[in-house]
Amino acid sequence: MTEHIALNNSDLWQQIRKKEINFAGNKKLKIFGTLHCKSGKRMKKENRVFFKSGSEAMAKGYRSCGHCMREEYKKWKEHNGPVQ
């Protein structure tokens, strides 16, 4: 997991091109999604973290995004039940 604030734009794009970063997450909400997600693009830079894989994000306690990863989110929701 890499925090966005720890990267400059050049390093960020270089890691994306090298496929070292494939997913982004919100560290406050513990939600992750694709780099193209509209919801993810709106979050504050200080809340954004990056992951190489979805399994890395899930291992850190993040759940998939309901917008850009609908199928994965449905599976998560079925397994974890409704939030109360």
PDB file of N, CA and C in Angstrom:
ATOM      1  N   MET A   1       0.853  -1.175   0.000  1.00  0.00           N
ATOM      2  CA  MET A   1       0.000   0.000   0.000  1.00  0.00           C
ATOM      3  C   MET A   1       0.898   1.237   0.000  1.00  0.00           C
ATOM      4  N   THR A   2       0.564   2.181  -0.866  1.00  0.00           N
ATOM      5  CA  THR A   2       1.318   3.425  -0.988  1.00  0.00           C
ATOM      6  C   THR A   2       0.362   4.600  -0.847  1.00  0.00           C
ATOM      7  N   GLU A   3       0.714   5.553  -0.001  1.00  0.00           N
ATOM      8  CA  GLU A   3      -0.123   6.744   0.163  1.00  0.00           C
ATOM      9  C   GLU A   3       0.141   7.722  -0.972  1.00  0.00           C
ATOM     10  N   HIS A   4      -0.922   8.336  -1.472  1.00  0.00           N
ATOM     11  CA  HIS A   4      -0.805   9.283  -2.580  1.00  0.00           C
ATOM     12  C   HIS A   4       0.086  10.463  -2.213  1.00  0.00           C
ATOM     13  N   ILE A   5      -0.034  10.952  -1.001  1.00  0.00           N
ATOM     14  CA  ILE A   5       0.742  12.126  -0.606  1.00  0.00           C
ATOM     15  C   ILE A   5       2.245  11.835  -0.566  1.00  0.00           C
ATOM     16  N   ALA A   6       2.630  10.554  -0.567  1.00  0.00           N
ATOM     17  CA  ALA A   6       4.046  10.187  -0.546  1.00  0.00           C
ATOM     18  C   ALA A   6       4.664  10.163  -1.945  1.00  0.00           C
ATOM     19  N   LEU A   7       3.845  10.329  -2.981  1.00  0.00           N
ATOM     20  CA  LEU A   7       4.315  10.249  -4.364  1.00  0.00           C
ATOM     21  C   LEU A   7       4.188  11.588  -5.073  1.00  0.00           C
ATOM     22  N   ASN A   8       5.171  11.903  -5.899  1.00  0.00           N
ATOM     23  CA  ASN A   8       4.990  13.049  -6.782  1.00  0.00           C
ATOM     24  C   ASN A   8       4.352  12.526  -8.075  1.00  0.00           C
ATOM     25  N   ASN A   9       3.862  13.415  -8.916  1.00  0.00           N
ATOM     26  CA  ASN A   9       3.130  12.989 -10.119  1.00  0.00           C
ATOM     27  C   ASN A   9       3.961  12.105 -11.032  1.00  0.00           C
ATOM     28  N   SER A  10       5.241  12.402 -11.169  1.00  0.00           N
ATOM     29  CA  SER A  10       6.114  11.615 -12.032  1.00  0.00           C
ATOM     30  C   SER A  10       6.241  10.173 -11.522  1.00  0.00           C
ATOM     31  N   ASP A  11       6.461  10.024 -10.216  1.00  0.00           N
ATOM     32  CA  ASP A  11       6.568   8.683  -9.628  1.00  0.00           C
ATOM     33  C   ASP A  11       5.260   7.916  -9.748  1.00  0.00           C
ATOM     34  N   LEU A  12       4.157   8.619  -9.536  1.00  0.00           N
ATOM     35  CA  LEU A  12       2.841   7.979  -9.637  1.00  0.00           C
ATOM     36  C   LEU A  12       2.615   7.411 -11.031  1.00  0.00           C
ATOM     37  N   TRP A  13       2.815   8.227 -12.059  1.00  0.00           N
ATOM     38  CA  TRP A  13       2.586   7.758 -13.429  1.00  0.00           C
ATOM     39  C   TRP A  13       3.559   6.649 -13.817  1.00  0.00           C
ATOM     40  N   GLN A  14       4.773   6.725 -13.315  1.00  0.00           N
ATOM     41  CA  GLN A  14       5.758   5.687 -13.604  1.00  0.00           C
ATOM     42  C   GLN A  14       5.317   4.346 -12.996  1.00  0.00           C
ATOM     43  N   GLN A  15       4.815   4.372 -11.770  1.00  0.00           N
ATOM     44  CA  GLN A  15       4.356   3.141 -11.125  1.00  0.00           C
ATOM     45  C   GLN A  15       3.104   2.592 -11.798  1.00  0.00           C
ATOM     46  N   ILE A  16       2.235   3.463 -12.279  1.00  0.00           N
ATOM     47  CA  ILE A  16       1.043   3.003 -13.001  1.00  0.00           C
ATOM     48  C   ILE A  16       1.457   2.324 -14.303  1.00  0.00           C
ATOM     49  N   ARG A  17       2.373   2.935 -15.041  1.00  0.00           N
ATOM     50  CA  ARG A  17       2.852   2.338 -16.297  1.00  0.00           C
ATOM     51  C   ARG A  17       3.526   0.988 -16.073  1.00  0.00           C
ATOM     52  N   LYS A  18       4.238   0.848 -14.970  1.00  0.00           N
ATOM     53  CA  LYS A  18       4.919  -0.407 -14.658  1.00  0.00           C
ATOM     54  C   LYS A  18       3.982  -1.450 -14.040  1.00  0.00           C
ATOM     55  N   LYS A  19       2.710  -1.086 -13.875  1.00  0.00           N
ATOM     56  CA  LYS A  19       1.692  -1.960 -13.268  1.00  0.00           C
ATOM     57  C   LYS A  19       1.990  -2.262 -11.795  1.00  0.00           C
ATOM     58  N   GLU A  20       2.712  -1.353 -11.132  1.00  0.00           N
ATOM     59  CA  GLU A  20       2.953  -1.484  -9.704  1.00  0.00           C
ATOM     60  C   GLU A  20       1.778  -0.924  -8.911  1.00  0.00           C
ATOM     61  N   ILE A  21       0.962  -0.087  -9.572  1.00  0.00           N
ATOM     62  CA  ILE A  21      -0.262   0.467  -8.994  1.00  0.00           C
ATOM     63  C   ILE A  21      -1.402   0.134  -9.946  1.00  0.00           C
ATOM     64  N   ASN A  22      -2.425  -0.570  -9.444  1.00  0.00           N
ATOM     65  CA  ASN A  22      -3.568  -0.959 -10.272  1.00  0.00           C
ATOM     66  C   ASN A  22      -4.910  -0.564  -9.665  1.00  0.00           C
ATOM     67  N   PHE A  23      -4.918  -0.275  -8.362  1.00  0.00           N
ATOM     68  CA  PHE A  23      -6.148   0.080  -7.662  1.00  0.00           C
ATOM     69  C   PHE A  23      -5.877   1.249  -6.727  1.00  0.00           C
ATOM     70  N   ALA A  24      -6.927   2.009  -6.440  1.00  0.00           N
ATOM     71  CA  ALA A  24      -6.841   3.117  -5.487  1.00  0.00           C
ATOM     72  C   ALA A  24      -7.901   2.913  -4.418  1.00  0.00           C
ATOM     73  N   GLY A  25      -7.612   3.383  -3.220  1.00  0.00           N
ATOM     74  CA  GLY A  25      -8.563   3.231  -2.128  1.00  0.00           C
ATOM     75  C   GLY A  25      -8.651   4.477  -1.276  1.00  0.00           C
ATOM     76  N   ASN A  26      -9.708   4.532  -0.476  1.00  0.00           N
ATOM     77  CA  ASN A  26      -9.912   5.614   0.468  1.00  0.00           C
ATOM     78  C   ASN A  26      -9.577   5.061   1.850  1.00  0.00           C
ATOM     79  N   LYS A  27      -8.515   5.584   2.461  1.00  0.00           N
ATOM     80  CA  LYS A  27      -8.064   5.011   3.726  1.00  0.00           C
ATOM     81  C   LYS A  27      -9.011   5.293   4.886  1.00  0.00           C
ATOM     82  N   LYS A  28      -9.850   6.307   4.793  1.00  0.00           N
ATOM     83  CA  LYS A  28     -10.818   6.572   5.859  1.00  0.00           C
ATOM     84  C   LYS A  28     -12.036   5.660   5.747  1.00  0.00           C
ATOM     85  N   LEU A  29     -12.508   5.441   4.523  1.00  0.00           N
ATOM     86  CA  LEU A  29     -13.703   4.625   4.313  1.00  0.00           C
ATOM     87  C   LEU A  29     -13.390   3.144   4.129  1.00  0.00           C
ATOM     88  N   LYS A  30     -12.117   2.812   3.879  1.00  0.00           N
ATOM     89  CA  LYS A  30     -11.669   1.432   3.651  1.00  0.00           C
ATOM     90  C   LYS A  30     -12.376   0.818   2.441  1.00  0.00           C
ATOM     91  N   ILE A  31     -12.441   1.599   1.341  1.00  0.00           N
ATOM     92  CA  ILE A  31     -13.035   1.153   0.078  1.00  0.00           C
ATOM     93  C   ILE A  31     -11.969   1.309  -1.000  1.00  0.00           C
ATOM     94  N   PHE A  32     -11.882   0.320  -1.913  1.00  0.00           N
ATOM     95  CA  PHE A  32     -10.945   0.443  -3.022  1.00  0.00           C
ATOM     96  C   PHE A  32     -11.655   0.172  -4.336  1.00  0.00           C
ATOM     97  N   GLY A  33     -11.086   0.705  -5.417  1.00  0.00           N
ATOM     98  CA  GLY A  33     -11.665   0.510  -6.743  1.00  0.00           C
ATOM     99  C   GLY A  33     -10.618   0.692  -7.824  1.00  0.00           C
ATOM    100  N   THR A  34     -11.088   0.710  -9.060  1.00  0.00           N
ATOM    101  CA  THR A  34     -10.183   0.862 -10.195  1.00  0.00           C
ATOM    102  C   THR A  34      -9.651   2.292 -10.263  1.00  0.00           C
ATOM    103  N   LEU A  35      -8.610   2.476 -11.021  1.00  0.00           N
ATOM    104  CA  LEU A  35      -8.034   3.812 -11.173  1.00  0.00           C
ATOM    105  C   LEU A  35      -8.923   4.729 -12.001  1.00  0.00           C
ATOM    106  N   HIS A  36      -9.899   4.163 -12.715  1.00  0.00           N
ATOM    107  CA  HIS A  36     -10.783   4.956 -13.577  1.00  0.00           C
ATOM    108  C   HIS A  36     -12.118   5.303 -12.922  1.00  0.00           C
ATOM    109  N   CYS A  37     -12.314   4.904 -11.690  1.00  0.00           N
ATOM    110  CA  CYS A  37     -13.588   5.110 -10.995  1.00  0.00           C
ATOM    111  C   CYS A  37     -13.852   6.597 -10.739  1.00  0.00           C
ATOM    112  N   LYS A  38     -15.045   7.044 -11.094  1.00  0.00           N
ATOM    113  CA  LYS A  38     -15.413   8.445 -10.872  1.00  0.00           C
ATOM    114  C   LYS A  38     -15.461   8.775  -9.388  1.00  0.00           C
ATOM    115  N   SER A  39     -15.916   7.855  -8.576  1.00  0.00           N
ATOM    116  CA  SER A  39     -15.958   8.101  -7.127  1.00  0.00           C
ATOM    117  C   SER A  39     -14.554   8.268  -6.575  1.00  0.00           C
ATOM    118  N   GLY A  40     -13.645   7.434  -7.020  1.00  0.00           N
ATOM    119  CA  GLY A  40     -12.266   7.501  -6.548  1.00  0.00           C
ATOM    120  C   GLY A  40     -11.552   8.766  -6.964  1.00  0.00           C
ATOM    121  N   LYS A  41     -11.877   9.265  -8.126  1.00  0.00           N
ATOM    122  CA  LYS A  41     -11.223  10.481  -8.614  1.00  0.00           C
ATOM    123  C   LYS A  41     -11.640  11.712  -7.818  1.00  0.00           C
ATOM    124  N   ARG A  42     -12.770  11.645  -7.114  1.00  0.00           N
ATOM    125  CA  ARG A  42     -13.260  12.793  -6.340  1.00  0.00           C
ATOM    126  C   ARG A  42     -12.680  12.856  -4.930  1.00  0.00           C
ATOM    127  N   MET A  43     -12.048  11.792  -4.464  1.00  0.00           N
ATOM    128  CA  MET A  43     -11.579  11.797  -3.081  1.00  0.00           C
ATOM    129  C   MET A  43     -10.358  12.707  -2.894  1.00  0.00           C
ATOM    130  N   LYS A  44     -10.158  13.128  -1.679  1.00  0.00           N
ATOM    131  CA  LYS A  44      -9.032  13.992  -1.356  1.00  0.00           C
ATOM    132  C   LYS A  44      -7.732  13.205  -1.457  1.00  0.00           C
ATOM    133  N   LYS A  45      -6.709  13.877  -1.913  1.00  0.00           N
ATOM    134  CA  LYS A  45      -5.395  13.250  -2.097  1.00  0.00           C
ATOM    135  C   LYS A  45      -4.875  12.651  -0.784  1.00  0.00           C
ATOM    136  N   GLU A  46      -5.110  13.335   0.326  1.00  0.00           N
ATOM    137  CA  GLU A  46      -4.598  12.835   1.609  1.00  0.00           C
ATOM    138  C   GLU A  46      -5.318  11.570   2.088  1.00  0.00           C
ATOM    139  N   ASN A  47      -6.481  11.261   1.524  1.00  0.00           N
ATOM    140  CA  ASN A  47      -7.209  10.037   1.879  1.00  0.00           C
ATOM    141  C   ASN A  47      -6.928   8.883   0.918  1.00  0.00           C
ATOM    142  N   ARG A  48      -6.256   9.152  -0.211  1.00  0.00           N
ATOM    143  CA  ARG A  48      -6.075   8.152  -1.262  1.00  0.00           C
ATOM    144  C   ARG A  48      -4.824   7.303  -1.026  1.00  0.00           C
ATOM    145  N   VAL A  49      -5.002   5.998  -1.188  1.00  0.00           N
ATOM    146  CA  VAL A  49      -3.893   5.045  -1.136  1.00  0.00           C
ATOM    147  C   VAL A  49      -3.952   4.189  -2.391  1.00  0.00           C
ATOM    148  N   PHE A  50      -2.831   3.589  -2.747  1.00  0.00           N
ATOM    149  CA  PHE A  50      -2.757   2.775  -3.954  1.00  0.00           C
ATOM    150  C   PHE A  50      -2.336   1.346  -3.616  1.00  0.00           C
ATOM    151  N   PHE A  51      -2.837   0.411  -4.426  1.00  0.00           N
ATOM    152  CA  PHE A  51      -2.536  -1.004  -4.250  1.00  0.00           C
ATOM    153  C   PHE A  51      -2.106  -1.617  -5.580  1.00  0.00           C
ATOM    154  N   LYS A  52      -1.273  -2.633  -5.491  1.00  0.00           N
ATOM    155  CA  LYS A  52      -0.877  -3.371  -6.687  1.00  0.00           C
ATOM    156  C   LYS A  52      -1.993  -4.319  -7.117  1.00  0.00           C
ATOM    157  N   SER A  53      -2.706  -4.888  -6.143  1.00  0.00           N
ATOM    158  CA  SER A  53      -3.754  -5.865  -6.469  1.00  0.00           C
ATOM    159  C   SER A  53      -4.958  -5.706  -5.552  1.00  0.00           C
ATOM    160  N   GLY A  54      -6.069  -6.260  -5.997  1.00  0.00           N
ATOM    161  CA  GLY A  54      -7.273  -6.271  -5.177  1.00  0.00           C
ATOM    162  C   GLY A  54      -7.084  -7.123  -3.938  1.00  0.00           C
ATOM    163  N   SER A  55      -6.336  -8.213  -4.067  1.00  0.00           N
ATOM    164  CA  SER A  55      -6.112  -9.079  -2.907  1.00  0.00           C
ATOM    165  C   SER A  55      -5.277  -8.365  -1.838  1.00  0.00           C
ATOM    166  N   GLU A  56      -4.355  -7.505  -2.267  1.00  0.00           N
ATOM    167  CA  GLU A  56      -3.583  -6.704  -1.301  1.00  0.00           C
ATOM    168  C   GLU A  56      -4.524  -5.767  -0.547  1.00  0.00           C
ATOM    169  N   ALA A  57      -5.425  -5.123  -1.270  1.00  0.00           N
ATOM    170  CA  ALA A  57      -6.376  -4.204  -0.632  1.00  0.00           C
ATOM    171  C   ALA A  57      -7.273  -4.946   0.351  1.00  0.00           C
ATOM    172  N   MET A  58      -7.785  -6.101  -0.057  1.00  0.00           N
ATOM    173  CA  MET A  58      -8.658  -6.878   0.833  1.00  0.00           C
ATOM    174  C   MET A  58      -7.904  -7.378   2.059  1.00  0.00           C
ATOM    175  N   ALA A  59      -6.638  -7.739   1.888  1.00  0.00           N
ATOM    176  CA  ALA A  59      -5.825  -8.187   3.020  1.00  0.00           C
ATOM    177  C   ALA A  59      -5.629  -7.065   4.037  1.00  0.00           C
ATOM    178  N   LYS A  60      -5.678  -5.822   3.576  1.00  0.00           N
ATOM    179  CA  LYS A  60      -5.541  -4.658   4.457  1.00  0.00           C
ATOM    180  C   LYS A  60      -6.880  -4.224   5.042  1.00  0.00           C
ATOM    181  N   GLY A  61      -7.960  -4.963   4.738  1.00  0.00           N
ATOM    182  CA  GLY A  61      -9.271  -4.663   5.310  1.00  0.00           C
ATOM    183  C   GLY A  61     -10.155  -3.761   4.477  1.00  0.00           C
ATOM    184  N   TYR A  62      -9.823  -3.547   3.209  1.00  0.00           N
ATOM    185  CA  TYR A  62     -10.630  -2.710   2.325  1.00  0.00           C
ATOM    186  C   TYR A  62     -11.669  -3.570   1.610  1.00  0.00           C
ATOM    187  N   ARG A  63     -12.808  -2.965   1.295  1.00  0.00           N
ATOM    188  CA  ARG A  63     -13.830  -3.657   0.505  1.00  0.00           C
ATOM    189  C   ARG A  63     -13.891  -3.024  -0.879  1.00  0.00           C
ATOM    190  N   SER A  64     -14.445  -3.757  -1.839  1.00  0.00           N
ATOM    191  CA  SER A  64     -14.525  -3.256  -3.213  1.00  0.00           C
ATOM    192  C   SER A  64     -15.593  -2.175  -3.359  1.00  0.00           C
ATOM    193  N   CYS A  65     -15.402  -1.313  -4.340  1.00  0.00           N
ATOM    194  CA  CYS A  65     -16.292  -0.189  -4.628  1.00  0.00           C
ATOM    195  C   CYS A  65     -17.594  -0.689  -5.264  1.00  0.00           C
ATOM    196  N   GLY A  66     -18.698  -0.137  -4.830  1.00  0.00           N
ATOM    197  CA  GLY A  66     -19.995  -0.502  -5.383  1.00  0.00           C
ATOM    198  C   GLY A  66     -20.267   0.100  -6.749  1.00  0.00           C
ATOM    199  N   HIS A  67     -19.460   1.085  -7.168  1.00  0.00           N
ATOM    200  CA  HIS A  67     -19.658   1.716  -8.476  1.00  0.00           C
ATOM    201  C   HIS A  67     -18.866   1.033  -9.579  1.00  0.00           C
ATOM    202  N   CYS A  68     -17.560   0.928  -9.402  1.00  0.00           N
ATOM    203  CA  CYS A  68     -16.709   0.419 -10.478  1.00  0.00           C
ATOM    204  C   CYS A  68     -16.443  -1.083 -10.391  1.00  0.00           C
ATOM    205  N   MET A  69     -16.761  -1.698  -9.262  1.00  0.00           N
ATOM    206  CA  MET A  69     -16.518  -3.127  -9.071  1.00  0.00           C
ATOM    207  C   MET A  69     -17.790  -3.785  -8.533  1.00  0.00           C
ATOM    208  N   ARG A  70     -18.863  -3.644  -9.273  1.00  0.00           N
ATOM    209  CA  ARG A  70     -20.177  -4.076  -8.795  1.00  0.00           C
ATOM    210  C   ARG A  70     -20.261  -5.545  -8.424  1.00  0.00           C
ATOM    211  N   GLU A  71     -19.725  -6.413  -9.268  1.00  0.00           N
ATOM    212  CA  GLU A  71     -19.803  -7.852  -8.998  1.00  0.00           C
ATOM    213  C   GLU A  71     -19.049  -8.212  -7.721  1.00  0.00           C
ATOM    214  N   GLU A  72     -17.848  -7.671  -7.562  1.00  0.00           N
ATOM    215  CA  GLU A  72     -17.058  -7.938  -6.361  1.00  0.00           C
ATOM    216  C   GLU A  72     -17.755  -7.374  -5.122  1.00  0.00           C
ATOM    217  N   TYR A  73     -18.371  -6.193  -5.274  1.00  0.00           N
ATOM    218  CA  TYR A  73     -19.098  -5.588  -4.161  1.00  0.00           C
ATOM    219  C   TYR A  73     -20.296  -6.448  -3.764  1.00  0.00           C
ATOM    220  N   LYS A  74     -21.029  -6.966  -4.749  1.00  0.00           N
ATOM    221  CA  LYS A  74     -22.178  -7.832  -4.450  1.00  0.00           C
ATOM    222  C   LYS A  74     -21.744  -9.061  -3.672  1.00  0.00           C
ATOM    223  N   LYS A  75     -20.627  -9.656  -4.070  1.00  0.00           N
ATOM    224  CA  LYS A  75     -20.108 -10.828  -3.353  1.00  0.00           C
ATOM    225  C   LYS A  75     -19.728 -10.451  -1.929  1.00  0.00           C
ATOM    226  N   TRP A  76     -19.081  -9.305  -1.755  1.00  0.00           N
ATOM    227  CA  TRP A  76     -18.703  -8.842  -0.428  1.00  0.00           C
ATOM    228  C   TRP A  76     -19.945  -8.618   0.432  1.00  0.00           C
ATOM    229  N   LYS A  77     -20.953  -7.985  -0.157  1.00  0.00           N
ATOM    230  CA  LYS A  77     -22.176  -7.664   0.581  1.00  0.00           C
ATOM    231  C   LYS A  77     -22.918  -8.935   1.008  1.00  0.00           C
ATOM    232  N   GLU A  78     -22.979  -9.934   0.116  1.00  0.00           N
ATOM    233  CA  GLU A  78     -23.630 -11.205   0.460  1.00  0.00           C
ATOM    234  C   GLU A  78     -22.902 -11.896   1.608  1.00  0.00           C
ATOM    235  N   HIS A  79     -21.609 -11.828   1.599  1.00  0.00           N
ATOM    236  CA  HIS A  79     -20.797 -12.487   2.614  1.00  0.00           C
ATOM    237  C   HIS A  79     -20.842 -11.761   3.959  1.00  0.00           C
ATOM    238  N   ASN A  80     -20.894 -10.420   3.928  1.00  0.00           N
ATOM    239  CA  ASN A  80     -20.813  -9.618   5.149  1.00  0.00           C
ATOM    240  C   ASN A  80     -22.139  -9.105   5.652  1.00  0.00           C
ATOM    241  N   GLY A  81     -23.197  -9.260   4.867  1.00  0.00           N
ATOM    242  CA  GLY A  81     -24.512  -8.810   5.303  1.00  0.00           C
ATOM    243  C   GLY A  81     -24.659  -7.301   5.249  1.00  0.00           C
ATOM    244  N   PRO A  82     -25.852  -6.804   5.536  1.00  0.00           N
ATOM    245  CA  PRO A  82     -26.085  -5.353   5.480  1.00  0.00           C
ATOM    246  C   PRO A  82     -25.350  -4.623   6.589  1.00  0.00           C
ATOM    247  N   VAL A  83     -24.940  -3.406   6.292  1.00  0.00           N
ATOM    248  CA  VAL A  83     -24.256  -2.564   7.271  1.00  0.00           C
ATOM    249  C   VAL A  83     -25.306  -1.949   8.172  1.00  0.00           C
ATOM    250  N   GLN A  84     -25.073  -1.997   9.476  1.00  0.00           N
ATOM    251  CA  GLN A  84     -26.044  -1.440  10.427  1.00  0.00           C
ATOM    252  C   GLN A  84     -25.447  -0.336  11.242  1.00  0.00           C
TER     253      GLN A  84
END
